[in-house]
Amino acid sequence: MSIEGILFYFLRALIFAFSLILVYVIVQKKKDRKISVPVVLTILYLGALMNITFIRGGIDLTGTRGPWQMEPLTWTIYQLRGGLWTFLYPFLGNVFWFIPMGILLARKYKILPTLLLAGLISFSIESLQWIFNNGISDIDDIIFNITGAFVGYLLYYMFVKKK
């Protein structure tokens, strides 16, 4: 995918996430409650994550679904043969999109529950991609998402918890 394509998906994900934040703000105002910045940031992140991972191409419940790619690193090695960008785009995308997940979960859980929850969330995303016939369901994505959550966990403990 080109840089323009990435920016388009990112912008569309932000618009979707901001619409969720707008709903949150309206509900909070109606109930005369304070608007929590951490909650707004969490909604922004999760809304963008939902849009970029399993809503991005629309929802198709009737089409033919491809199989899950369950052999670890098979598709990743294949992508590496296509050039560095063909490999880096999905690898870094999967890692970077789950760094905030690791930070969010580290605020409440230790390392093992954080990684297990990140893996469960990633598996759920891959399942929704398969159900909605939108994207390729791949074990590598789950591995790289958990890696991103691990990086986020480490960053949280290096910069936040250490203080």
C-alpha atoms as a PDB file:
ATOM      1  CA  MET A   1       0.000   0.000   0.000  1.00  0.00           C
ATOM      2  CA  SER A   2       1.234   3.483  -0.803  1.00  0.00           C
ATOM      3  CA  ILE A   3       1.810   6.281   1.703  1.00  0.00           C
ATOM      4  CA  GLU A   4      -1.291   8.007   0.267  1.00  0.00           C
ATOM      5  CA  GLY A   5      -3.337   4.866   0.889  1.00  0.00           C
ATOM      6  CA  ILE A   6      -2.074   4.646   4.467  1.00  0.00           C
ATOM      7  CA  LEU A   7      -2.941   8.295   5.083  1.00  0.00           C
ATOM      8  CA  PHE A   8      -6.420   7.756   3.590  1.00  0.00           C
ATOM      9  CA  TYR A   9      -7.126   4.784   5.880  1.00  0.00           C
ATOM     10  CA  PHE A  10      -5.701   6.658   8.861  1.00  0.00           C
ATOM     11  CA  LEU A  11      -7.833   9.737   8.174  1.00  0.00           C
ATOM     12  CA  ARG A  12     -10.951   7.619   7.733  1.00  0.00           C
ATOM     13  CA  ALA A  13     -10.175   5.788  10.985  1.00  0.00           C
ATOM     14  CA  LEU A  14      -9.777   9.096  12.815  1.00  0.00           C
ATOM     15  CA  ILE A  15     -13.099  10.388  11.485  1.00  0.00           C
ATOM     16  CA  PHE A  16     -14.794   7.206  12.704  1.00  0.00           C
ATOM     17  CA  ALA A  17     -13.070   7.461  16.104  1.00  0.00           C
ATOM     18  CA  PHE A  18     -13.981  11.134  16.505  1.00  0.00           C
ATOM     19  CA  SER A  19     -17.613  10.279  15.813  1.00  0.00           C
ATOM     20  CA  LEU A  20     -17.465   7.799  18.717  1.00  0.00           C
ATOM     21  CA  ILE A  21     -15.905  10.483  20.914  1.00  0.00           C
ATOM     22  CA  LEU A  22     -18.706  12.867  19.953  1.00  0.00           C
ATOM     23  CA  VAL A  23     -21.273  10.305  21.138  1.00  0.00           C
ATOM     24  CA  TYR A  24     -19.331   9.886  24.405  1.00  0.00           C
ATOM     25  CA  VAL A  25     -19.194  13.656  24.976  1.00  0.00           C
ATOM     26  CA  ILE A  26     -22.922  14.071  24.280  1.00  0.00           C
ATOM     27  CA  VAL A  27     -23.827  11.257  26.690  1.00  0.00           C
ATOM     28  CA  GLN A  28     -21.544  12.642  29.389  1.00  0.00           C
ATOM     29  CA  LYS A  29     -22.972  16.161  28.998  1.00  0.00           C
ATOM     30  CA  LYS A  30     -26.558  14.856  29.204  1.00  0.00           C
ATOM     31  CA  LYS A  31     -25.727  13.085  32.456  1.00  0.00           C
ATOM     32  CA  ASP A  32     -23.818  16.126  33.772  1.00  0.00           C
ATOM     33  CA  ARG A  33     -20.624  14.110  34.119  1.00  0.00           C
ATOM     34  CA  LYS A  34     -17.052  15.188  33.588  1.00  0.00           C
ATOM     35  CA  ILE A  35     -15.330  14.220  30.372  1.00  0.00           C
ATOM     36  CA  SER A  36     -12.337  12.040  31.139  1.00  0.00           C
ATOM     37  CA  VAL A  37      -9.276  12.641  28.948  1.00  0.00           C
ATOM     38  CA  PRO A  38      -7.985   9.051  29.400  1.00  0.00           C
ATOM     39  CA  VAL A  39     -11.401   7.727  28.339  1.00  0.00           C
ATOM     40  CA  VAL A  40     -11.442  10.036  25.295  1.00  0.00           C
ATOM     41  CA  LEU A  41      -7.956   8.851  24.278  1.00  0.00           C
ATOM     42  CA  THR A  42      -8.988   5.218  24.775  1.00  0.00           C
ATOM     43  CA  ILE A  43     -12.106   5.716  22.632  1.00  0.00           C
ATOM     44  CA  LEU A  44      -9.985   7.452  19.983  1.00  0.00           C
ATOM     45  CA  TYR A  45      -7.529   4.556  19.891  1.00  0.00           C
ATOM     46  CA  LEU A  46     -10.091   1.737  19.976  1.00  0.00           C
ATOM     47  CA  GLY A  47     -12.336   3.430  17.408  1.00  0.00           C
ATOM     48  CA  ALA A  48      -9.419   3.924  15.024  1.00  0.00           C
ATOM     49  CA  LEU A  49      -8.252   0.336  15.647  1.00  0.00           C
ATOM     50  CA  MET A  50     -11.730  -1.045  14.869  1.00  0.00           C
ATOM     51  CA  ASN A  51     -11.979   0.975  11.690  1.00  0.00           C
ATOM     52  CA  ILE A  52      -8.515   0.160  10.396  1.00  0.00           C
ATOM     53  CA  THR A  53      -8.695  -3.562  11.161  1.00  0.00           C
ATOM     54  CA  PHE A  54     -12.147  -4.976  10.490  1.00  0.00           C
ATOM     55  CA  ILE A  55     -14.470  -2.226   9.285  1.00  0.00           C
ATOM     56  CA  ARG A  56     -12.094  -0.697   6.723  1.00  0.00           C
ATOM     57  CA  GLY A  57     -13.387  -2.270   3.521  1.00  0.00           C
ATOM     58  CA  GLY A  58     -17.017  -2.569   4.511  1.00  0.00           C
ATOM     59  CA  ILE A  59     -18.864  -5.567   5.813  1.00  0.00           C
ATOM     60  CA  ASP A  60     -19.741  -8.494   3.571  1.00  0.00           C
ATOM     61  CA  LEU A  61     -21.590 -11.318   5.283  1.00  0.00           C
ATOM     62  CA  THR A  62     -22.519 -13.099   2.059  1.00  0.00           C
ATOM     63  CA  GLY A  63     -19.259 -13.460   0.125  1.00  0.00           C
ATOM     64  CA  THR A  64     -16.898 -16.401   0.017  1.00  0.00           C
ATOM     65  CA  ARG A  65     -14.383 -16.306   2.826  1.00  0.00           C
ATOM     66  CA  GLY A  66     -10.762 -17.213   2.384  1.00  0.00           C
ATOM     67  CA  PRO A  67      -9.095 -19.673   4.723  1.00  0.00           C
ATOM     68  CA  TRP A  68      -7.218 -18.636   7.847  1.00  0.00           C
ATOM     69  CA  GLN A  69      -3.470 -18.604   7.321  1.00  0.00           C
ATOM     70  CA  MET A  70      -2.380 -20.670  10.334  1.00  0.00           C
ATOM     71  CA  GLU A  71       1.258 -21.477   9.522  1.00  0.00           C
ATOM     72  CA  PRO A  72       3.401 -19.010  11.488  1.00  0.00           C
ATOM     73  CA  LEU A  73       5.595 -16.697   9.411  1.00  0.00           C
ATOM     74  CA  THR A  74       4.707 -18.362   6.075  1.00  0.00           C
ATOM     75  CA  TRP A  75       2.938 -15.298   4.676  1.00  0.00           C
ATOM     76  CA  THR A  76       5.488 -12.944   6.242  1.00  0.00           C
ATOM     77  CA  ILE A  77       8.391 -14.725   4.514  1.00  0.00           C
ATOM     78  CA  TYR A  78       6.421 -14.644   1.262  1.00  0.00           C
ATOM     79  CA  GLN A  79       5.911 -10.894   1.694  1.00  0.00           C
ATOM     80  CA  LEU A  80       9.616 -10.393   2.353  1.00  0.00           C
ATOM     81  CA  ARG A  81      10.325 -11.844  -1.103  1.00  0.00           C
ATOM     82  CA  GLY A  82       8.166  -9.056  -2.566  1.00  0.00           C
ATOM     83  CA  GLY A  83      10.519  -6.377  -1.257  1.00  0.00           C
ATOM     84  CA  LEU A  84      11.202  -4.566   1.966  1.00  0.00           C
ATOM     85  CA  TRP A  85       8.071  -2.358   1.862  1.00  0.00           C
ATOM     86  CA  THR A  86       5.805  -5.360   1.152  1.00  0.00           C
ATOM     87  CA  PHE A  87       7.142  -6.871   4.368  1.00  0.00           C
ATOM     88  CA  LEU A  88       7.447  -3.743   6.535  1.00  0.00           C
ATOM     89  CA  TYR A  89       3.934  -2.399   5.928  1.00  0.00           C
ATOM     90  CA  PRO A  90       2.018  -5.307   7.529  1.00  0.00           C
ATOM     91  CA  PHE A  91       4.733  -6.121  10.076  1.00  0.00           C
ATOM     92  CA  LEU A  92       5.172  -2.602  11.432  1.00  0.00           C
ATOM     93  CA  GLY A  93       1.467  -1.844  11.102  1.00  0.00           C
ATOM     94  CA  ASN A  94       0.548  -4.815  13.272  1.00  0.00           C
ATOM     95  CA  VAL A  95       3.226  -3.989  15.833  1.00  0.00           C
ATOM     96  CA  PHE A  96       2.546  -0.226  15.996  1.00  0.00           C
ATOM     97  CA  TRP A  97      -1.245  -0.540  16.203  1.00  0.00           C
ATOM     98  CA  PHE A  98      -0.917  -2.670  19.349  1.00  0.00           C
ATOM     99  CA  ILE A  99       1.661  -0.589  21.240  1.00  0.00           C
ATOM    100  CA  PRO A 100      -1.145   1.573  22.719  1.00  0.00           C
ATOM    101  CA  MET A 101      -2.995  -1.636  23.656  1.00  0.00           C
ATOM    102  CA  GLY A 102       0.021  -2.749  25.695  1.00  0.00           C
ATOM    103  CA  ILE A 103       0.160   0.654  27.402  1.00  0.00           C
ATOM    104  CA  LEU A 104      -3.565   0.598  28.209  1.00  0.00           C
ATOM    105  CA  LEU A 105      -3.484  -2.937  29.571  1.00  0.00           C
ATOM    106  CA  ALA A 106      -0.243  -2.361  31.524  1.00  0.00           C
ATOM    107  CA  ARG A 107      -2.032   0.288  33.577  1.00  0.00           C
ATOM    108  CA  LYS A 108      -4.169  -2.473  35.106  1.00  0.00           C
ATOM    109  CA  TYR A 109      -2.467  -5.853  34.528  1.00  0.00           C
ATOM    110  CA  LYS A 110       0.884  -7.569  34.854  1.00  0.00           C
ATOM    111  CA  ILE A 111       2.778  -8.802  31.791  1.00  0.00           C
ATOM    112  CA  LEU A 112       1.180 -12.236  31.284  1.00  0.00           C
ATOM    113  CA  PRO A 113      -2.469 -11.081  31.505  1.00  0.00           C
ATOM    114  CA  THR A 114      -1.580  -8.109  29.283  1.00  0.00           C
ATOM    115  CA  LEU A 115      -0.154 -10.357  26.569  1.00  0.00           C
ATOM    116  CA  LEU A 116      -3.002 -12.882  26.888  1.00  0.00           C
ATOM    117  CA  LEU A 117      -5.634 -10.131  26.604  1.00  0.00           C
ATOM    118  CA  ALA A 118      -3.813  -8.562  23.653  1.00  0.00           C
ATOM    119  CA  GLY A 119      -3.716 -11.991  22.002  1.00  0.00           C
ATOM    120  CA  LEU A 120      -7.429 -12.512  22.641  1.00  0.00           C
ATOM    121  CA  ILE A 121      -8.272  -9.077  21.246  1.00  0.00           C
ATOM    122  CA  SER A 122      -6.076  -9.717  18.215  1.00  0.00           C
ATOM    123  CA  PHE A 123      -7.698 -13.122  17.676  1.00  0.00           C
ATOM    124  CA  SER A 124     -11.107 -11.415  17.899  1.00  0.00           C
ATOM    125  CA  ILE A 125     -10.065  -8.887  15.261  1.00  0.00           C
ATOM    126  CA  GLU A 126      -8.828 -11.641  12.951  1.00  0.00           C
ATOM    127  CA  SER A 127     -12.101 -13.526  13.505  1.00  0.00           C
ATOM    128  CA  LEU A 128     -14.141 -10.406  12.682  1.00  0.00           C
ATOM    129  CA  GLN A 129     -12.081  -9.903   9.522  1.00  0.00           C
ATOM    130  CA  TRP A 130     -12.987 -13.443   8.509  1.00  0.00           C
ATOM    131  CA  ILE A 131     -16.671 -13.097   9.488  1.00  0.00           C
ATOM    132  CA  PHE A 132     -17.019  -9.733   7.702  1.00  0.00           C
ATOM    133  CA  ASN A 133     -14.989 -11.038   4.748  1.00  0.00           C
ATOM    134  CA  ASN A 134     -12.667  -8.091   5.120  1.00  0.00           C
ATOM    135  CA  GLY A 135      -8.933  -8.714   5.173  1.00  0.00           C
ATOM    136  CA  ILE A 136      -6.782 -11.788   5.549  1.00  0.00           C
ATOM    137  CA  SER A 137      -6.986 -13.716   8.805  1.00  0.00           C
ATOM    138  CA  ASP A 138      -3.383 -14.613   9.596  1.00  0.00           C
ATOM    139  CA  ILE A 139      -1.635 -16.068  12.644  1.00  0.00           C
ATOM    140  CA  ASP A 140       1.295 -13.719  11.913  1.00  0.00           C
ATOM    141  CA  ASP A 141      -0.937 -10.719  12.630  1.00  0.00           C
ATOM    142  CA  ILE A 142      -1.692 -12.126  16.073  1.00  0.00           C
ATOM    143  CA  ILE A 143       2.016 -12.750  16.740  1.00  0.00           C
ATOM    144  CA  PHE A 144       2.959  -9.217  15.662  1.00  0.00           C
ATOM    145  CA  ASN A 145       0.045  -7.667  17.599  1.00  0.00           C
ATOM    146  CA  ILE A 146       1.209  -9.415  20.765  1.00  0.00           C
ATOM    147  CA  THR A 147       4.728  -8.151  20.022  1.00  0.00           C
ATOM    148  CA  GLY A 148       3.348  -4.618  19.801  1.00  0.00           C
ATOM    149  CA  ALA A 149       1.495  -5.044  23.097  1.00  0.00           C
ATOM    150  CA  PHE A 150       4.736  -6.255  24.668  1.00  0.00           C
ATOM    151  CA  VAL A 151       6.562  -3.158  23.408  1.00  0.00           C
ATOM    152  CA  GLY A 152       3.744  -0.983  24.789  1.00  0.00           C
ATOM    153  CA  TYR A 153       3.952  -2.762  28.130  1.00  0.00           C
ATOM    154  CA  LEU A 154       7.709  -2.164  28.284  1.00  0.00           C
ATOM    155  CA  LEU A 155       7.292   1.505  27.339  1.00  0.00           C
ATOM    156  CA  TYR A 156       4.679   1.963  30.065  1.00  0.00           C
ATOM    157  CA  TYR A 157       6.979   0.519  32.700  1.00  0.00           C
ATOM    158  CA  MET A 158      10.069   2.371  31.453  1.00  0.00           C
ATOM    159  CA  PHE A 159       8.475   5.819  31.273  1.00  0.00           C
ATOM    160  CA  VAL A 160       5.368   5.849  33.463  1.00  0.00           C
ATOM    161  CA  LYS A 161       5.644   3.245  36.184  1.00  0.00           C
ATOM    162  CA  LYS A 162       9.328   3.958  36.785  1.00  0.00           C
ATOM    163  CA  LYS A 163       8.488   7.497  37.941  1.00  0.00           C
END
